[in-house]
Amino acid sequence: FGYIVLTTSAGIMDHEEARRKNAGGKVLGFFY
């Protein structure tokens, strides 16, 4: 499985941290 990297108003983070912070944003990329 990989990580989806998001750029959000709270900064750049992976999808799990964004889900914890309930932060929406744009997907930067997908990393394995």
PDB file of N, CA and C in Angstrom:
ATOM      1  N   PHE A   1       0.847  -1.196   0.000  1.00  0.00           N
ATOM      2  CA  PHE A   1       0.000   0.000   0.000  1.00  0.00           C
ATOM      3  C   PHE A   1       0.874   1.235   0.000  1.00  0.00           C
ATOM      4  N   GLY A   2       0.328   2.349  -0.408  1.00  0.00           N
ATOM      5  CA  GLY A   2       1.134   3.556  -0.517  1.00  0.00           C
ATOM      6  C   GLY A   2       0.548   4.700   0.283  1.00  0.00           C
ATOM      7  N   TYR A   3       1.128   5.857   0.086  1.00  0.00           N
ATOM      8  CA  TYR A   3       0.662   7.069   0.746  1.00  0.00           C
ATOM      9  C   TYR A   3       0.200   8.063  -0.304  1.00  0.00           C
ATOM     10  N   ILE A   4      -0.928   8.682  -0.028  1.00  0.00           N
ATOM     11  CA  ILE A   4      -1.396   9.779  -0.860  1.00  0.00           C
ATOM     12  C   ILE A   4      -0.951  11.066  -0.177  1.00  0.00           C
ATOM     13  N   VAL A   5      -0.176  11.877  -0.879  1.00  0.00           N
ATOM     14  CA  VAL A   5       0.327  13.122  -0.306  1.00  0.00           C
ATOM     15  C   VAL A   5      -0.610  14.254  -0.715  1.00  0.00           C
ATOM     16  N   LEU A   6      -1.078  14.989   0.284  1.00  0.00           N
ATOM     17  CA  LEU A   6      -2.025  16.074   0.058  1.00  0.00           C
ATOM     18  C   LEU A   6      -1.400  17.402   0.436  1.00  0.00           C
ATOM     19  N   THR A   7      -1.762  18.435  -0.306  1.00  0.00           N
ATOM     20  CA  THR A   7      -1.443  19.783   0.140  1.00  0.00           C
ATOM     21  C   THR A   7      -2.732  20.408   0.652  1.00  0.00           C
ATOM     22  N   THR A   8      -2.729  20.787   1.923  1.00  0.00           N
ATOM     23  CA  THR A   8      -3.940  21.295   2.574  1.00  0.00           C
ATOM     24  C   THR A   8      -3.663  22.663   3.165  1.00  0.00           C
ATOM     25  N   SER A   9      -4.708  23.266   3.713  1.00  0.00           N
ATOM     26  CA  SER A   9      -4.543  24.554   4.386  1.00  0.00           C
ATOM     27  C   SER A   9      -3.664  24.424   5.616  1.00  0.00           C
ATOM     28  N   ALA A  10      -3.544  23.173   6.134  1.00  0.00           N
ATOM     29  CA  ALA A  10      -2.723  22.931   7.320  1.00  0.00           C
ATOM     30  C   ALA A  10      -1.302  22.513   6.949  1.00  0.00           C
ATOM     31  N   GLY A  11      -0.977  22.519   5.653  1.00  0.00           N
ATOM     32  CA  GLY A  11       0.357  22.130   5.220  1.00  0.00           C
ATOM     33  C   GLY A  11       0.313  20.858   4.405  1.00  0.00           C
ATOM     34  N   ILE A  12       1.496  20.336   4.077  1.00  0.00           N
ATOM     35  CA  ILE A  12       1.609  19.111   3.292  1.00  0.00           C
ATOM     36  C   ILE A  12       1.695  17.925   4.235  1.00  0.00           C
ATOM     37  N   MET A  13       0.854  16.924   4.010  1.00  0.00           N
ATOM     38  CA  MET A  13       0.794  15.768   4.904  1.00  0.00           C
ATOM     39  C   MET A  13       0.290  14.577   4.120  1.00  0.00           C
ATOM     40  N   ASP A  14       0.333  13.398   4.755  1.00  0.00           N
ATOM     41  CA  ASP A  14      -0.225  12.219   4.095  1.00  0.00           C
ATOM     42  C   ASP A  14      -1.720  12.128   4.397  1.00  0.00           C
ATOM     43  N   HIS A  15      -2.379  11.199   3.720  1.00  0.00           N
ATOM     44  CA  HIS A  15      -3.838  11.147   3.787  1.00  0.00           C
ATOM     45  C   HIS A  15      -4.341  10.768   5.172  1.00  0.00           C
ATOM     46  N   GLU A  16      -3.568   9.975   5.914  1.00  0.00           N
ATOM     47  CA  GLU A  16      -4.026   9.571   7.249  1.00  0.00           C
ATOM     48  C   GLU A  16      -3.995  10.742   8.220  1.00  0.00           C
ATOM     49  N   GLU A  17      -2.945  11.561   8.127  1.00  0.00           N
ATOM     50  CA  GLU A  17      -2.875  12.738   8.997  1.00  0.00           C
ATOM     51  C   GLU A  17      -3.958  13.744   8.612  1.00  0.00           C
ATOM     52  N   ALA A  18      -4.207  13.886   7.314  1.00  0.00           N
ATOM     53  CA  ALA A  18      -5.258  14.795   6.863  1.00  0.00           C
ATOM     54  C   ALA A  18      -6.620  14.328   7.355  1.00  0.00           C
ATOM     55  N   ARG A  19      -6.822  13.005   7.376  1.00  0.00           N
ATOM     56  CA  ARG A  19      -8.090  12.468   7.867  1.00  0.00           C
ATOM     57  C   ARG A  19      -8.234  12.721   9.364  1.00  0.00           C
ATOM     58  N   ARG A  20      -7.125  12.570  10.115  1.00  0.00           N
ATOM     59  CA  ARG A  20      -7.174  12.831  11.556  1.00  0.00           C
ATOM     60  C   ARG A  20      -7.497  14.299  11.836  1.00  0.00           C
ATOM     61  N   LYS A  21      -6.893  15.189  11.045  1.00  0.00           N
ATOM     62  CA  LYS A  21      -7.109  16.620  11.250  1.00  0.00           C
ATOM     63  C   LYS A  21      -8.369  17.108  10.548  1.00  0.00           C
ATOM     64  N   ASN A  22      -9.015  16.230   9.796  1.00  0.00           N
ATOM     65  CA  ASN A  22     -10.206  16.574   9.020  1.00  0.00           C
ATOM     66  C   ASN A  22      -9.900  17.736   8.078  1.00  0.00           C
ATOM     67  N   ALA A  23      -8.739  17.667   7.429  1.00  0.00           N
ATOM     68  CA  ALA A  23      -8.302  18.717   6.520  1.00  0.00           C
ATOM     69  C   ALA A  23      -8.507  18.256   5.086  1.00  0.00           C
ATOM     70  N   GLY A  24      -9.142  19.101   4.305  1.00  0.00           N
ATOM     71  CA  GLY A  24      -9.291  18.808   2.884  1.00  0.00           C
ATOM     72  C   GLY A  24      -8.183  19.492   2.102  1.00  0.00           C
ATOM     73  N   GLY A  25      -7.917  18.990   0.907  1.00  0.00           N
ATOM     74  CA  GLY A  25      -6.880  19.616   0.102  1.00  0.00           C
ATOM     75  C   GLY A  25      -6.768  18.945  -1.242  1.00  0.00           C
ATOM     76  N   LYS A  26      -5.729  19.308  -1.968  1.00  0.00           N
ATOM     77  CA  LYS A  26      -5.478  18.743  -3.277  1.00  0.00           C
ATOM     78  C   LYS A  26      -4.454  17.625  -3.161  1.00  0.00           C
ATOM     79  N   VAL A  27      -4.639  16.598  -3.984  1.00  0.00           N
ATOM     80  CA  VAL A  27      -3.701  15.478  -3.994  1.00  0.00           C
ATOM     81  C   VAL A  27      -2.457  15.895  -4.768  1.00  0.00           C
ATOM     82  N   LEU A  28      -1.294  15.779  -4.127  1.00  0.00           N
ATOM     83  CA  LEU A  28      -0.028  16.078  -4.790  1.00  0.00           C
ATOM     84  C   LEU A  28       0.487  14.869  -5.547  1.00  0.00           C
ATOM     85  N   GLY A  29       0.413  13.697  -4.917  1.00  0.00           N
ATOM     86  CA  GLY A  29       0.952  12.516  -5.574  1.00  0.00           C
ATOM     87  C   GLY A  29       0.716  11.285  -4.734  1.00  0.00           C
ATOM     88  N   PHE A  30       1.079  10.149  -5.307  1.00  0.00           N
ATOM     89  CA  PHE A  30       0.893   8.860  -4.651  1.00  0.00           C
ATOM     90  C   PHE A  30       2.249   8.176  -4.601  1.00  0.00           C
ATOM     91  N   PHE A  31       2.683   7.807  -3.395  1.00  0.00           N
ATOM     92  CA  PHE A  31       4.010   7.227  -3.223  1.00  0.00           C
ATOM     93  C   PHE A  31       3.918   5.827  -2.654  1.00  0.00           C
ATOM     94  N   TYR A  32       4.792   4.944  -3.125  1.00  0.00           N
ATOM     95  CA  TYR A  32       4.860   3.584  -2.595  1.00  0.00           C
ATOM     96  C   TYR A  32       6.028   3.471  -1.626  1.00  0.00           C
TER      97      TYR A  32
END
